[in-house]
Amino acid sequence: KPFLTVELVARIRSILRRRLSPPTAPGPSVRLGTSCLVDVDSSRLIMPDATVSLAPAEIKLLRCLWTRRGVWIRSTELAHALGRADAEGQVLVWQYLSRLRAKLGPESAAVEHVRNKGYRLR
């Protein structure tokens, strides 16, 4: 079947994105800081005093940060993990990580950001 060029490029990008995604992912739960636990399967953040739902994009970013824990990751790489390799994707990374850090409360220091260096998970 003949494809439009735009559709063919979109299909190729989709295949490459699936093939280039990191093969290792955190298990069913990931500890952040000393008192937070992320239940990856149910997309929940479990804290001593509350349980908070996480957006799918927040889970994707956490997986990307978790697989390379302690390593600085540029926002362009995180945007690629969200399937957005443009400047708008970098803004989305900033927004989602900002929301995630707000949800983490006192444990927000687990996700570090340094301008022109990137993000990392302690």
C-alpha atoms as a PDB file:
ATOM      1  CA  LYS A   1       0.000   0.000   0.000  1.00  0.00           C
ATOM      2  CA  PRO A   2       1.466   3.379  -0.882  1.00  0.00           C
ATOM      3  CA  PHE A   3       1.897   5.732   2.079  1.00  0.00           C
ATOM      4  CA  LEU A   4       2.070   9.470   2.342  1.00  0.00           C
ATOM      5  CA  THR A   5       5.582  10.614   3.199  1.00  0.00           C
ATOM      6  CA  VAL A   6       4.388  12.108   6.490  1.00  0.00           C
ATOM      7  CA  GLU A   7       2.751   8.823   7.514  1.00  0.00           C
ATOM      8  CA  LEU A   8       5.829   6.803   6.543  1.00  0.00           C
ATOM      9  CA  VAL A   9       8.100   9.080   8.596  1.00  0.00           C
ATOM     10  CA  ALA A  10       5.712   8.811  11.571  1.00  0.00           C
ATOM     11  CA  ARG A  11       5.721   5.000  11.345  1.00  0.00           C
ATOM     12  CA  ILE A  12       9.522   4.866  11.159  1.00  0.00           C
ATOM     13  CA  ARG A  13       9.838   7.197  14.167  1.00  0.00           C
ATOM     14  CA  SER A  14       7.408   5.048  16.122  1.00  0.00           C
ATOM     15  CA  ILE A  15       9.396   1.887  15.396  1.00  0.00           C
ATOM     16  CA  LEU A  16      12.700   3.569  16.267  1.00  0.00           C
ATOM     17  CA  ARG A  17      11.270   4.986  19.503  1.00  0.00           C
ATOM     18  CA  ARG A  18      10.172   1.505  20.600  1.00  0.00           C
ATOM     19  CA  ARG A  19      13.496  -0.062  19.627  1.00  0.00           C
ATOM     20  CA  LEU A  20      15.669   2.628  21.230  1.00  0.00           C
ATOM     21  CA  SER A  21      13.842   2.762  24.559  1.00  0.00           C
ATOM     22  CA  PRO A  22      15.906   1.561  27.528  1.00  0.00           C
ATOM     23  CA  PRO A  23      15.513  -2.191  28.027  1.00  0.00           C
ATOM     24  CA  THR A  24      15.672  -2.019  31.803  1.00  0.00           C
ATOM     25  CA  ALA A  25      12.809  -0.569  33.774  1.00  0.00           C
ATOM     26  CA  PRO A  26      12.181  -0.416  37.472  1.00  0.00           C
ATOM     27  CA  GLY A  27      10.253  -3.209  39.084  1.00  0.00           C
ATOM     28  CA  PRO A  28       6.796  -2.845  40.550  1.00  0.00           C
ATOM     29  CA  SER A  29       7.974  -0.311  43.144  1.00  0.00           C
ATOM     30  CA  VAL A  30      10.754   2.265  43.342  1.00  0.00           C
ATOM     31  CA  ARG A  31      11.936   4.005  46.508  1.00  0.00           C
ATOM     32  CA  LEU A  32      12.456   7.762  46.291  1.00  0.00           C
ATOM     33  CA  GLY A  33      14.213   9.386  49.187  1.00  0.00           C
ATOM     34  CA  THR A  34      13.600   7.915  52.610  1.00  0.00           C
ATOM     35  CA  SER A  35       9.822   7.865  52.882  1.00  0.00           C
ATOM     36  CA  CYS A  36       8.336   7.750  49.354  1.00  0.00           C
ATOM     37  CA  LEU A  37       7.568   4.675  47.322  1.00  0.00           C
ATOM     38  CA  VAL A  38       6.414   4.739  43.687  1.00  0.00           C
ATOM     39  CA  ASP A  39       4.166   1.865  42.674  1.00  0.00           C
ATOM     40  CA  VAL A  40       4.933   1.759  38.948  1.00  0.00           C
ATOM     41  CA  ASP A  41       2.179  -0.723  38.044  1.00  0.00           C
ATOM     42  CA  SER A  42      -0.641   1.334  39.557  1.00  0.00           C
ATOM     43  CA  SER A  43       0.986   4.763  38.886  1.00  0.00           C
ATOM     44  CA  ARG A  44       0.790   5.818  42.522  1.00  0.00           C
ATOM     45  CA  LEU A  45       3.126   7.686  44.829  1.00  0.00           C
ATOM     46  CA  ILE A  46       2.843   6.236  48.324  1.00  0.00           C
ATOM     47  CA  MET A  47       3.920   8.495  51.174  1.00  0.00           C
ATOM     48  CA  PRO A  48       3.480   7.998  54.941  1.00  0.00           C
ATOM     49  CA  ASP A  49       0.552  10.428  55.106  1.00  0.00           C
ATOM     50  CA  ALA A  50      -1.027  10.161  51.620  1.00  0.00           C
ATOM     51  CA  THR A  51      -1.226   8.323  48.327  1.00  0.00           C
ATOM     52  CA  VAL A  52      -1.083  10.383  45.127  1.00  0.00           C
ATOM     53  CA  SER A  53      -1.807   9.359  41.533  1.00  0.00           C
ATOM     54  CA  LEU A  54       0.909   9.987  38.957  1.00  0.00           C
ATOM     55  CA  ALA A  55       0.379  10.913  35.316  1.00  0.00           C
ATOM     56  CA  PRO A  56       1.673   8.456  32.674  1.00  0.00           C
ATOM     57  CA  ALA A  57       4.261  11.029  31.579  1.00  0.00           C
ATOM     58  CA  GLU A  58       5.523  11.342  35.161  1.00  0.00           C
ATOM     59  CA  ILE A  59       5.964   7.565  35.305  1.00  0.00           C
ATOM     60  CA  LYS A  60       7.857   7.610  31.976  1.00  0.00           C
ATOM     61  CA  LEU A  61      10.189  10.322  33.265  1.00  0.00           C
ATOM     62  CA  LEU A  62      10.746   8.460  36.530  1.00  0.00           C
ATOM     63  CA  ARG A  63      11.592   5.275  34.608  1.00  0.00           C
ATOM     64  CA  CYS A  64      14.091   7.158  32.468  1.00  0.00           C
ATOM     65  CA  LEU A  65      15.689   8.757  35.529  1.00  0.00           C
ATOM     66  CA  TRP A  66      15.630   5.482  37.488  1.00  0.00           C
ATOM     67  CA  THR A  67      17.379   3.447  34.782  1.00  0.00           C
ATOM     68  CA  ARG A  68      20.260   5.950  34.881  1.00  0.00           C
ATOM     69  CA  ARG A  69      20.132   6.845  38.556  1.00  0.00           C
ATOM     70  CA  GLY A  70      22.854   9.262  39.636  1.00  0.00           C
ATOM     71  CA  VAL A  71      23.687  10.290  36.045  1.00  0.00           C
ATOM     72  CA  TRP A  72      22.820  13.738  34.678  1.00  0.00           C
ATOM     73  CA  ILE A  73      20.283  13.449  31.851  1.00  0.00           C
ATOM     74  CA  ARG A  74      19.637  16.373  29.542  1.00  0.00           C
ATOM     75  CA  SER A  75      16.068  17.545  29.039  1.00  0.00           C
ATOM     76  CA  THR A  76      16.295  16.656  25.338  1.00  0.00           C
ATOM     77  CA  GLU A  77      16.824  12.999  26.267  1.00  0.00           C
ATOM     78  CA  LEU A  78      13.904  13.103  28.693  1.00  0.00           C
ATOM     79  CA  ALA A  79      11.739  14.740  26.015  1.00  0.00           C
ATOM     80  CA  HIS A  80      12.660  11.886  23.699  1.00  0.00           C
ATOM     81  CA  ALA A  81      11.482   9.427  26.375  1.00  0.00           C
ATOM     82  CA  LEU A  82       8.112  11.193  26.239  1.00  0.00           C
ATOM     83  CA  GLY A  83       8.079  10.826  22.458  1.00  0.00           C
ATOM     84  CA  ARG A  84       8.709  14.527  21.891  1.00  0.00           C
ATOM     85  CA  ALA A  85      12.060  15.505  20.419  1.00  0.00           C
ATOM     86  CA  ASP A  86      11.260  19.188  19.883  1.00  0.00           C
ATOM     87  CA  ALA A  87      11.586  22.321  22.019  1.00  0.00           C
ATOM     88  CA  GLU A  88       7.995  21.902  23.182  1.00  0.00           C
ATOM     89  CA  GLY A  89       8.961  18.492  24.548  1.00  0.00           C
ATOM     90  CA  GLN A  90      11.594  20.124  26.751  1.00  0.00           C
ATOM     91  CA  VAL A  91       8.928  22.450  28.157  1.00  0.00           C
ATOM     92  CA  LEU A  92       6.738  19.418  28.877  1.00  0.00           C
ATOM     93  CA  VAL A  93       9.650  17.775  30.716  1.00  0.00           C
ATOM     94  CA  TRP A  94      10.039  20.863  32.867  1.00  0.00           C
ATOM     95  CA  GLN A  95       6.287  20.975  33.585  1.00  0.00           C
ATOM     96  CA  TYR A  96       5.915  17.293  34.445  1.00  0.00           C
ATOM     97  CA  LEU A  97       9.024  17.195  36.635  1.00  0.00           C
ATOM     98  CA  SER A  98       7.878  20.365  38.350  1.00  0.00           C
ATOM     99  CA  ARG A  99       4.514  18.726  39.131  1.00  0.00           C
ATOM    100  CA  LEU A 100       6.242  15.543  40.247  1.00  0.00           C
ATOM    101  CA  ARG A 101       8.505  17.448  42.630  1.00  0.00           C
ATOM    102  CA  ALA A 102       5.472  19.254  44.062  1.00  0.00           C
ATOM    103  CA  LYS A 103       3.800  15.888  44.670  1.00  0.00           C
ATOM    104  CA  LEU A 104       6.950  14.559  46.355  1.00  0.00           C
ATOM    105  CA  GLY A 105       6.869  17.382  48.909  1.00  0.00           C
ATOM    106  CA  PRO A 106       9.818  17.089  51.321  1.00  0.00           C
ATOM    107  CA  GLU A 107      11.346  14.299  49.209  1.00  0.00           C
ATOM    108  CA  SER A 108      11.510  16.545  46.112  1.00  0.00           C
ATOM    109  CA  ALA A 109      15.281  16.811  46.534  1.00  0.00           C
ATOM    110  CA  ALA A 110      15.487  13.261  45.135  1.00  0.00           C
ATOM    111  CA  VAL A 111      15.002  14.781  41.659  1.00  0.00           C
ATOM    112  CA  GLU A 112      17.785  17.289  41.096  1.00  0.00           C
ATOM    113  CA  HIS A 113      18.011  19.902  38.355  1.00  0.00           C
ATOM    114  CA  VAL A 114      20.992  22.015  37.353  1.00  0.00           C
ATOM    115  CA  ARG A 115      20.681  24.507  34.530  1.00  0.00           C
ATOM    116  CA  ASN A 116      22.620  23.499  31.389  1.00  0.00           C
ATOM    117  CA  LYS A 117      23.435  20.157  32.977  1.00  0.00           C
ATOM    118  CA  GLY A 118      20.100  18.344  33.224  1.00  0.00           C
ATOM    119  CA  TYR A 119      18.186  16.235  35.724  1.00  0.00           C
ATOM    120  CA  ARG A 120      19.163  13.291  37.863  1.00  0.00           C
ATOM    121  CA  LEU A 121      17.639  11.030  40.450  1.00  0.00           C
ATOM    122  CA  ARG A 122      19.617  10.687  43.669  1.00  0.00           C
END
